[in-house]
Amino acid sequence: MRHKDGTLYRYDGLGNGLLKDRVKMYTNWGASYNAIVGVGDITGDGKNDLVLRDTGGGLYRYDGKGNGSFAPRVKIASGWQGYKGLF
């Protein structure tokens, strides 16, 4: 979850449908992003990834490292500014 001040948090699961307390990952993060989706594992490496869209319509993937953090972003598409949301 990204807070309006730009702080990105992660919520780890307990394995019983409940979540642990949030963990701060980044501050001042993603000011140009207007959509963030936890998409599961789209790279096939067994680690959860993120997909984000910026205000210019660029679509980016952040590959999960498996330790709660992410590798640098990779641009995967452009022209997505006409869509209201990503699901």
PDB file of N, CA and C in Angstrom:
ATOM      1  N   MET A   1       0.836  -1.157   0.000  1.00  0.00           N
ATOM      2  CA  MET A   1       0.000   0.000   0.000  1.00  0.00           C
ATOM      3  C   MET A   1       0.890   1.233   0.000  1.00  0.00           C
ATOM      4  N   ARG A   2       0.545   2.214  -0.840  1.00  0.00           N
ATOM      5  CA  ARG A   2       1.277   3.474  -0.836  1.00  0.00           C
ATOM      6  C   ARG A   2       0.414   4.533  -0.172  1.00  0.00           C
ATOM      7  N   HIS A   3       0.955   5.145   0.860  1.00  0.00           N
ATOM      8  CA  HIS A   3       0.277   6.229   1.564  1.00  0.00           C
ATOM      9  C   HIS A   3       0.372   7.486   0.720  1.00  0.00           C
ATOM     10  N   LYS A   4      -0.517   8.440   0.940  1.00  0.00           N
ATOM     11  CA  LYS A   4      -0.524   9.667   0.131  1.00  0.00           C
ATOM     12  C   LYS A   4       0.749  10.486   0.286  1.00  0.00           C
ATOM     13  N   ASP A   5       1.538  10.263   1.347  1.00  0.00           N
ATOM     14  CA  ASP A   5       2.808  10.981   1.498  1.00  0.00           C
ATOM     15  C   ASP A   5       3.951  10.300   0.736  1.00  0.00           C
ATOM     16  N   GLY A   6       3.662   9.201   0.012  1.00  0.00           N
ATOM     17  CA  GLY A   6       4.666   8.515  -0.788  1.00  0.00           C
ATOM     18  C   GLY A   6       5.353   7.361  -0.080  1.00  0.00           C
ATOM     19  N   THR A   7       4.939   7.036   1.147  1.00  0.00           N
ATOM     20  CA  THR A   7       5.520   5.899   1.860  1.00  0.00           C
ATOM     21  C   THR A   7       4.860   4.613   1.374  1.00  0.00           C
ATOM     22  N   LEU A   8       5.687   3.646   0.988  1.00  0.00           N
ATOM     23  CA  LEU A   8       5.182   2.356   0.531  1.00  0.00           C
ATOM     24  C   LEU A   8       5.335   1.339   1.657  1.00  0.00           C
ATOM     25  N   TYR A   9       4.227   0.657   1.977  1.00  0.00           N
ATOM     26  CA  TYR A   9       4.206  -0.356   3.025  1.00  0.00           C
ATOM     27  C   TYR A   9       3.906  -1.720   2.420  1.00  0.00           C
ATOM     28  N   ARG A  10       4.349  -2.757   3.108  1.00  0.00           N
ATOM     29  CA  ARG A  10       3.976  -4.112   2.746  1.00  0.00           C
ATOM     30  C   ARG A  10       3.300  -4.747   3.945  1.00  0.00           C
ATOM     31  N   TYR A  11       2.345  -5.608   3.654  1.00  0.00           N
ATOM     32  CA  TYR A  11       1.628  -6.366   4.672  1.00  0.00           C
ATOM     33  C   TYR A  11       1.867  -7.854   4.421  1.00  0.00           C
ATOM     34  N   ASP A  12       2.584  -8.504   5.315  1.00  0.00           N
ATOM     35  CA  ASP A  12       2.830  -9.939   5.184  1.00  0.00           C
ATOM     36  C   ASP A  12       1.655 -10.714   5.757  1.00  0.00           C
ATOM     37  N   GLY A  13       1.357 -11.849   5.153  1.00  0.00           N
ATOM     38  CA  GLY A  13       0.280 -12.699   5.638  1.00  0.00           C
ATOM     39  C   GLY A  13       0.731 -13.611   6.763  1.00  0.00           C
ATOM     40  N   LEU A  14      -0.226 -13.999   7.588  1.00  0.00           N
ATOM     41  CA  LEU A  14       0.031 -14.938   8.681  1.00  0.00           C
ATOM     42  C   LEU A  14      -0.265 -16.381   8.284  1.00  0.00           C
ATOM     43  N   GLY A  15      -0.839 -16.578   7.090  1.00  0.00           N
ATOM     44  CA  GLY A  15      -1.182 -17.913   6.637  1.00  0.00           C
ATOM     45  C   GLY A  15      -2.549 -18.391   7.090  1.00  0.00           C
ATOM     46  N   ASN A  16      -3.279 -17.511   7.795  1.00  0.00           N
ATOM     47  CA  ASN A  16      -4.611 -17.881   8.288  1.00  0.00           C
ATOM     48  C   ASN A  16      -5.675 -16.877   7.843  1.00  0.00           C
ATOM     49  N   GLY A  17      -5.354 -16.095   6.816  1.00  0.00           N
ATOM     50  CA  GLY A  17      -6.289 -15.090   6.322  1.00  0.00           C
ATOM     51  C   GLY A  17      -6.114 -13.732   6.969  1.00  0.00           C
ATOM     52  N   LEU A  18      -5.244 -13.631   7.952  1.00  0.00           N
ATOM     53  CA  LEU A  18      -4.975 -12.352   8.628  1.00  0.00           C
ATOM     54  C   LEU A  18      -3.613 -11.820   8.208  1.00  0.00           C
ATOM     55  N   LEU A  19      -3.369 -10.538   8.491  1.00  0.00           N
ATOM     56  CA  LEU A  19      -2.120  -9.895   8.112  1.00  0.00           C
ATOM     57  C   LEU A  19      -1.325  -9.472   9.334  1.00  0.00           C
ATOM     58  N   LYS A  20      -0.007  -9.494   9.191  1.00  0.00           N
ATOM     59  CA  LYS A  20       0.882  -8.953  10.216  1.00  0.00           C
ATOM     60  C   LYS A  20       0.816  -7.429  10.149  1.00  0.00           C
ATOM     61  N   ASP A  21       1.446  -6.754  11.104  1.00  0.00           N
ATOM     62  CA  ASP A  21       1.539  -5.303  11.072  1.00  0.00           C
ATOM     63  C   ASP A  21       2.314  -4.870   9.830  1.00  0.00           C
ATOM     64  N   ARG A  22       1.996  -3.687   9.333  1.00  0.00           N
ATOM     65  CA  ARG A  22       2.658  -3.197   8.120  1.00  0.00           C
ATOM     66  C   ARG A  22       4.142  -2.952   8.361  1.00  0.00           C
ATOM     67  N   VAL A  23       4.910  -3.064   7.271  1.00  0.00           N
ATOM     68  CA  VAL A  23       6.350  -2.839   7.281  1.00  0.00           C
ATOM     69  C   VAL A  23       6.645  -1.745   6.269  1.00  0.00           C
ATOM     70  N   LYS A  24       7.337  -0.688   6.687  1.00  0.00           N
ATOM     71  CA  LYS A  24       7.704   0.397   5.770  1.00  0.00           C
ATOM     72  C   LYS A  24       8.809  -0.084   4.845  1.00  0.00           C
ATOM     73  N   MET A  25       8.588   0.109   3.527  1.00  0.00           N
ATOM     74  CA  MET A  25       9.579  -0.308   2.547  1.00  0.00           C
ATOM     75  C   MET A  25      10.356   0.871   1.976  1.00  0.00           C
ATOM     76  N   TYR A  26       9.630   1.913   1.542  1.00  0.00           N
ATOM     77  CA  TYR A  26      10.258   3.063   0.904  1.00  0.00           C
ATOM     78  C   TYR A  26       9.544   4.342   1.338  1.00  0.00           C
ATOM     79  N   THR A  27      10.263   5.457   1.329  1.00  0.00           N
ATOM     80  CA  THR A  27       9.645   6.767   1.541  1.00  0.00           C
ATOM     81  C   THR A  27       9.827   7.595   0.272  1.00  0.00           C
ATOM     82  N   ASN A  28       8.970   8.599   0.090  1.00  0.00           N
ATOM     83  CA  ASN A  28       9.010   9.442  -1.124  1.00  0.00           C
ATOM     84  C   ASN A  28       9.068   8.588  -2.378  1.00  0.00           C
ATOM     85  N   TRP A  29       8.223   7.596  -2.449  1.00  0.00           N
ATOM     86  CA  TRP A  29       8.274   6.608  -3.518  1.00  0.00           C
ATOM     87  C   TRP A  29       7.090   6.762  -4.454  1.00  0.00           C
ATOM     88  N   GLY A  30       7.361   6.785  -5.737  1.00  0.00           N
ATOM     89  CA  GLY A  30       6.326   6.665  -6.748  1.00  0.00           C
ATOM     90  C   GLY A  30       5.357   7.818  -6.870  1.00  0.00           C
ATOM     91  N   ALA A  31       5.829   9.054  -6.719  1.00  0.00           N
ATOM     92  CA  ALA A  31       4.928  10.209  -6.810  1.00  0.00           C
ATOM     93  C   ALA A  31       4.234  10.285  -8.160  1.00  0.00           C
ATOM     94  N   SER A  32       4.855   9.770  -9.209  1.00  0.00           N
ATOM     95  CA  SER A  32       4.242   9.849 -10.542  1.00  0.00           C
ATOM     96  C   SER A  32       3.322   8.667 -10.835  1.00  0.00           C
ATOM     97  N   TYR A  33       3.229   7.688  -9.919  1.00  0.00           N
ATOM     98  CA  TYR A  33       2.374   6.523 -10.149  1.00  0.00           C
ATOM     99  C   TYR A  33       0.930   6.818  -9.747  1.00  0.00           C
ATOM    100  N   ASN A  34       0.000   6.430 -10.618  1.00  0.00           N
ATOM    101  CA  ASN A  34      -1.415   6.619 -10.292  1.00  0.00           C
ATOM    102  C   ASN A  34      -2.173   5.292 -10.211  1.00  0.00           C
ATOM    103  N   ALA A  35      -1.480   4.195 -10.402  1.00  0.00           N
ATOM    104  CA  ALA A  35      -2.085   2.870 -10.218  1.00  0.00           C
ATOM    105  C   ALA A  35      -0.984   1.890  -9.828  1.00  0.00           C
ATOM    106  N   ILE A  36      -1.251   1.107  -8.780  1.00  0.00           N
ATOM    107  CA  ILE A  36      -0.315   0.097  -8.293  1.00  0.00           C
ATOM    108  C   ILE A  36      -1.100  -1.190  -8.080  1.00  0.00           C
ATOM    109  N   VAL A  37      -0.590  -2.302  -8.635  1.00  0.00           N
ATOM    110  CA  VAL A  37      -1.289  -3.580  -8.508  1.00  0.00           C
ATOM    111  C   VAL A  37      -0.294  -4.657  -8.079  1.00  0.00           C
ATOM    112  N   GLY A  38      -0.627  -5.360  -7.010  1.00  0.00           N
ATOM    113  CA  GLY A  38       0.116  -6.554  -6.645  1.00  0.00           C
ATOM    114  C   GLY A  38      -0.410  -7.695  -7.505  1.00  0.00           C
ATOM    115  N   VAL A  39       0.362  -8.104  -8.478  1.00  0.00           N
ATOM    116  CA  VAL A  39      -0.129  -9.026  -9.510  1.00  0.00           C
ATOM    117  C   VAL A  39       0.239 -10.482  -9.259  1.00  0.00           C
ATOM    118  N   GLY A  40       0.864 -10.769  -8.137  1.00  0.00           N
ATOM    119  CA  GLY A  40       1.360 -12.126  -7.925  1.00  0.00           C
ATOM    120  C   GLY A  40       2.648 -12.315  -8.715  1.00  0.00           C
ATOM    121  N   ASP A  41       2.922 -13.511  -9.114  1.00  0.00           N
ATOM    122  CA  ASP A  41       4.166 -13.842  -9.820  1.00  0.00           C
ATOM    123  C   ASP A  41       3.936 -13.845 -11.326  1.00  0.00           C
ATOM    124  N   ILE A  42       4.257 -12.741 -11.997  1.00  0.00           N
ATOM    125  CA  ILE A  42       4.089 -12.709 -13.458  1.00  0.00           C
ATOM    126  C   ILE A  42       5.380 -13.034 -14.202  1.00  0.00           C
ATOM    127  N   THR A  43       6.486 -13.152 -13.477  1.00  0.00           N
ATOM    128  CA  THR A  43       7.751 -13.464 -14.143  1.00  0.00           C
ATOM    129  C   THR A  43       8.078 -14.954 -14.104  1.00  0.00           C
ATOM    130  N   GLY A  44       7.314 -15.724 -13.317  1.00  0.00           N
ATOM    131  CA  GLY A  44       7.524 -17.158 -13.260  1.00  0.00           C
ATOM    132  C   GLY A  44       8.670 -17.602 -12.371  1.00  0.00           C
ATOM    133  N   ASP A  45       9.172 -16.713 -11.501  1.00  0.00           N
ATOM    134  CA  ASP A  45      10.291 -17.074 -10.635  1.00  0.00           C
ATOM    135  C   ASP A  45       9.863 -17.458  -9.223  1.00  0.00           C
ATOM    136  N   GLY A  46       8.541 -17.517  -8.978  1.00  0.00           N
ATOM    137  CA  GLY A  46       8.048 -17.897  -7.668  1.00  0.00           C
ATOM    138  C   GLY A  46       7.979 -16.771  -6.662  1.00  0.00           C
ATOM    139  N   LYS A  47       8.218 -15.520  -7.101  1.00  0.00           N
ATOM    140  CA  LYS A  47       8.201 -14.359  -6.205  1.00  0.00           C
ATOM    141  C   LYS A  47       7.153 -13.365  -6.694  1.00  0.00           C
ATOM    142  N   ASN A  48       6.453 -12.731  -5.758  1.00  0.00           N
ATOM    143  CA  ASN A  48       5.399 -11.774  -6.114  1.00  0.00           C
ATOM    144  C   ASN A  48       5.979 -10.493  -6.692  1.00  0.00           C
ATOM    145  N   ASP A  49       5.307  -9.961  -7.704  1.00  0.00           N
ATOM    146  CA  ASP A  49       5.750  -8.773  -8.424  1.00  0.00           C
ATOM    147  C   ASP A  49       4.705  -7.665  -8.305  1.00  0.00           C
ATOM    148  N   LEU A  50       5.098  -6.460  -8.692  1.00  0.00           N
ATOM    149  CA  LEU A  50       4.195  -5.314  -8.758  1.00  0.00           C
ATOM    150  C   LEU A  50       4.138  -4.805 -10.192  1.00  0.00           C
ATOM    151  N   VAL A  51       2.978  -4.272 -10.596  1.00  0.00           N
ATOM    152  CA  VAL A  51       2.836  -3.549 -11.856  1.00  0.00           C
ATOM    153  C   VAL A  51       2.296  -2.171 -11.507  1.00  0.00           C
ATOM    154  N   LEU A  52       2.907  -1.136 -12.102  1.00  0.00           N
ATOM    155  CA  LEU A  52       2.534   0.240 -11.810  1.00  0.00           C
ATOM    156  C   LEU A  52       2.364   1.026 -13.094  1.00  0.00           C
ATOM    157  N   ARG A  53       1.481   2.009 -13.038  1.00  0.00           N
ATOM    158  CA  ARG A  53       1.281   2.918 -14.170  1.00  0.00           C
ATOM    159  C   ARG A  53       1.593   4.326 -13.699  1.00  0.00           C
ATOM    160  N   ASP A  54       2.326   5.084 -14.528  1.00  0.00           N
ATOM    161  CA  ASP A  54       2.591   6.476 -14.185  1.00  0.00           C
ATOM    162  C   ASP A  54       1.598   7.388 -14.900  1.00  0.00           C
ATOM    163  N   THR A  55       1.637   8.664 -14.562  1.00  0.00           N
ATOM    164  CA  THR A  55       0.671   9.610 -15.109  1.00  0.00           C
ATOM    165  C   THR A  55       0.810   9.797 -16.611  1.00  0.00           C
ATOM    166  N   GLY A  56       1.956   9.445 -17.183  1.00  0.00           N
ATOM    167  CA  GLY A  56       2.154   9.530 -18.622  1.00  0.00           C
ATOM    168  C   GLY A  56       1.692   8.293 -19.375  1.00  0.00           C
ATOM    169  N   GLY A  57       1.193   7.281 -18.652  1.00  0.00           N
ATOM    170  CA  GLY A  57       0.707   6.062 -19.297  1.00  0.00           C
ATOM    171  C   GLY A  57       1.735   4.966 -19.413  1.00  0.00           C
ATOM    172  N   GLY A  58       2.940   5.163 -18.842  1.00  0.00           N
ATOM    173  CA  GLY A  58       3.945   4.111 -18.853  1.00  0.00           C
ATOM    174  C   GLY A  58       3.583   3.017 -17.860  1.00  0.00           C
ATOM    175  N   LEU A  59       3.757   1.782 -18.266  1.00  0.00           N
ATOM    176  CA  LEU A  59       3.463   0.631 -17.416  1.00  0.00           C
ATOM    177  C   LEU A  59       4.792  -0.020 -17.041  1.00  0.00           C
ATOM    178  N   TYR A  60       4.985  -0.265 -15.736  1.00  0.00           N
ATOM    179  CA  TYR A  60       6.259  -0.772 -15.231  1.00  0.00           C
ATOM    180  C   TYR A  60       6.042  -2.006 -14.378  1.00  0.00           C
ATOM    181  N   ARG A  61       7.042  -2.871 -14.360  1.00  0.00           N
ATOM    182  CA  ARG A  61       7.040  -4.055 -13.512  1.00  0.00           C
ATOM    183  C   ARG A  61       8.200  -3.940 -12.533  1.00  0.00           C
ATOM    184  N   TYR A  62       7.924  -4.225 -11.276  1.00  0.00           N
ATOM    185  CA  TYR A  62       8.952  -4.362 -10.248  1.00  0.00           C
ATOM    186  C   TYR A  62       8.993  -5.836  -9.865  1.00  0.00           C
ATOM    187  N   ASP A  63      10.091  -6.505 -10.170  1.00  0.00           N
ATOM    188  CA  ASP A  63      10.231  -7.925  -9.851  1.00  0.00           C
ATOM    189  C   ASP A  63      10.501  -8.098  -8.366  1.00  0.00           C
ATOM    190  N   GLY A  64       9.723  -8.971  -7.714  1.00  0.00           N
ATOM    191  CA  GLY A  64       9.952  -9.278  -6.314  1.00  0.00           C
ATOM    192  C   GLY A  64      11.246 -10.042  -6.131  1.00  0.00           C
ATOM    193  N   LYS A  65      11.971  -9.718  -5.065  1.00  0.00           N
ATOM    194  CA  LYS A  65      13.228 -10.405  -4.756  1.00  0.00           C
ATOM    195  C   LYS A  65      13.029 -11.608  -3.840  1.00  0.00           C
ATOM    196  N   GLY A  66      11.840 -11.736  -3.256  1.00  0.00           N
ATOM    197  CA  GLY A  66      11.585 -12.837  -2.343  1.00  0.00           C
ATOM    198  C   GLY A  66      11.942 -12.530  -0.904  1.00  0.00           C
ATOM    199  N   ASN A  67      12.464 -11.328  -0.653  1.00  0.00           N
ATOM    200  CA  ASN A  67      12.813 -10.929   0.713  1.00  0.00           C
ATOM    201  C   ASN A  67      11.993  -9.721   1.171  1.00  0.00           C
ATOM    202  N   GLY A  68      10.914  -9.420   0.436  1.00  0.00           N
ATOM    203  CA  GLY A  68      10.077  -8.278   0.784  1.00  0.00           C
ATOM    204  C   GLY A  68      10.425  -7.005   0.052  1.00  0.00           C
ATOM    205  N   SER A  69      11.440  -7.028  -0.794  1.00  0.00           N
ATOM    206  CA  SER A  69      11.794  -5.838  -1.577  1.00  0.00           C
ATOM    207  C   SER A  69      11.741  -6.178  -3.068  1.00  0.00           C
ATOM    208  N   PHE A  70      12.041  -5.192  -3.886  1.00  0.00           N
ATOM    209  CA  PHE A  70      11.877  -5.329  -5.332  1.00  0.00           C
ATOM    210  C   PHE A  70      13.118  -4.870  -6.078  1.00  0.00           C
ATOM    211  N   ALA A  71      13.340  -5.470  -7.222  1.00  0.00           N
ATOM    212  CA  ALA A  71      14.408  -5.056  -8.131  1.00  0.00           C
ATOM    213  C   ALA A  71      14.008  -3.736  -8.802  1.00  0.00           C
ATOM    214  N   PRO A  72      14.941  -3.038  -9.436  1.00  0.00           N
ATOM    215  CA  PRO A  72      14.584  -1.804 -10.146  1.00  0.00           C
ATOM    216  C   PRO A  72      13.505  -2.050 -11.201  1.00  0.00           C
ATOM    217  N   ARG A  73      12.749  -1.027 -11.486  1.00  0.00           N
ATOM    218  CA  ARG A  73      11.617  -1.165 -12.409  1.00  0.00           C
ATOM    219  C   ARG A  73      12.064  -1.451 -13.833  1.00  0.00           C
ATOM    220  N   VAL A  74      11.174  -2.116 -14.558  1.00  0.00           N
ATOM    221  CA  VAL A  74      11.369  -2.429 -15.969  1.00  0.00           C
ATOM    222  C   VAL A  74      10.124  -1.948 -16.700  1.00  0.00           C
ATOM    223  N   LYS A  75      10.298  -1.130 -17.733  1.00  0.00           N
ATOM    224  CA  LYS A  75       9.145  -0.655 -18.505  1.00  0.00           C
ATOM    225  C   LYS A  75       8.636  -1.795 -19.374  1.00  0.00           C
ATOM    226  N   ILE A  76       7.328  -2.069 -19.264  1.00  0.00           N
ATOM    227  CA  ILE A  76       6.765  -3.187 -20.014  1.00  0.00           C
ATOM    228  C   ILE A  76       5.743  -2.753 -21.056  1.00  0.00           C
ATOM    229  N   ALA A  77       5.283  -1.502 -21.001  1.00  0.00           N
ATOM    230  CA  ALA A  77       4.321  -1.013 -22.002  1.00  0.00           C
ATOM    231  C   ALA A  77       4.180   0.493 -21.856  1.00  0.00           C
ATOM    232  N   SER A  78       3.540   1.105 -22.841  1.00  0.00           N
ATOM    233  CA  SER A  78       3.224   2.532 -22.778  1.00  0.00           C
ATOM    234  C   SER A  78       1.842   2.744 -23.390  1.00  0.00           C
ATOM    235  N   GLY A  79       1.300   3.945 -23.224  1.00  0.00           N
ATOM    236  CA  GLY A  79       0.004   4.260 -23.792  1.00  0.00           C
ATOM    237  C   GLY A  79      -1.177   3.844 -22.940  1.00  0.00           C
ATOM    238  N   TRP A  80      -0.979   3.641 -21.644  1.00  0.00           N
ATOM    239  CA  TRP A  80      -2.031   3.171 -20.755  1.00  0.00           C
ATOM    240  C   TRP A  80      -2.742   4.311 -20.024  1.00  0.00           C
ATOM    241  N   GLN A  81      -2.499   5.569 -20.413  1.00  0.00           N
ATOM    242  CA  GLN A  81      -3.125   6.691 -19.718  1.00  0.00           C
ATOM    243  C   GLN A  81      -4.624   6.771 -19.922  1.00  0.00           C
ATOM    244  N   GLY A  82      -5.183   6.130 -20.929  1.00  0.00           N
ATOM    245  CA  GLY A  82      -6.606   6.166 -21.190  1.00  0.00           C
ATOM    246  C   GLY A  82      -7.433   5.235 -20.326  1.00  0.00           C
ATOM    247  N   TYR A  83      -6.768   4.380 -19.547  1.00  0.00           N
ATOM    248  CA  TYR A  83      -7.480   3.404 -18.721  1.00  0.00           C
ATOM    249  C   TYR A  83      -7.678   3.959 -17.309  1.00  0.00           C
ATOM    250  N   LYS A  84      -8.848   3.708 -16.738  1.00  0.00           N
ATOM    251  CA  LYS A  84      -9.154   4.202 -15.400  1.00  0.00           C
ATOM    252  C   LYS A  84      -8.446   3.401 -14.315  1.00  0.00           C
ATOM    253  N   GLY A  85      -8.199   2.137 -14.530  1.00  0.00           N
ATOM    254  CA  GLY A  85      -7.572   1.323 -13.497  1.00  0.00           C
ATOM    255  C   GLY A  85      -6.885   0.114 -14.068  1.00  0.00           C
ATOM    256  N   LEU A  86      -6.108  -0.538 -13.236  1.00  0.00           N
ATOM    257  CA  LEU A  86      -5.437  -1.784 -13.562  1.00  0.00           C
ATOM    258  C   LEU A  86      -5.922  -2.819 -12.571  1.00  0.00           C
ATOM    259  N   PHE A  87      -6.248  -4.016 -13.046  1.00  0.00           N
ATOM    260  CA  PHE A  87      -6.781  -5.037 -12.154  1.00  0.00           C
ATOM    261  C   PHE A  87      -6.083  -6.353 -12.381  1.00  0.00           C
TER     262      PHE A  87
END
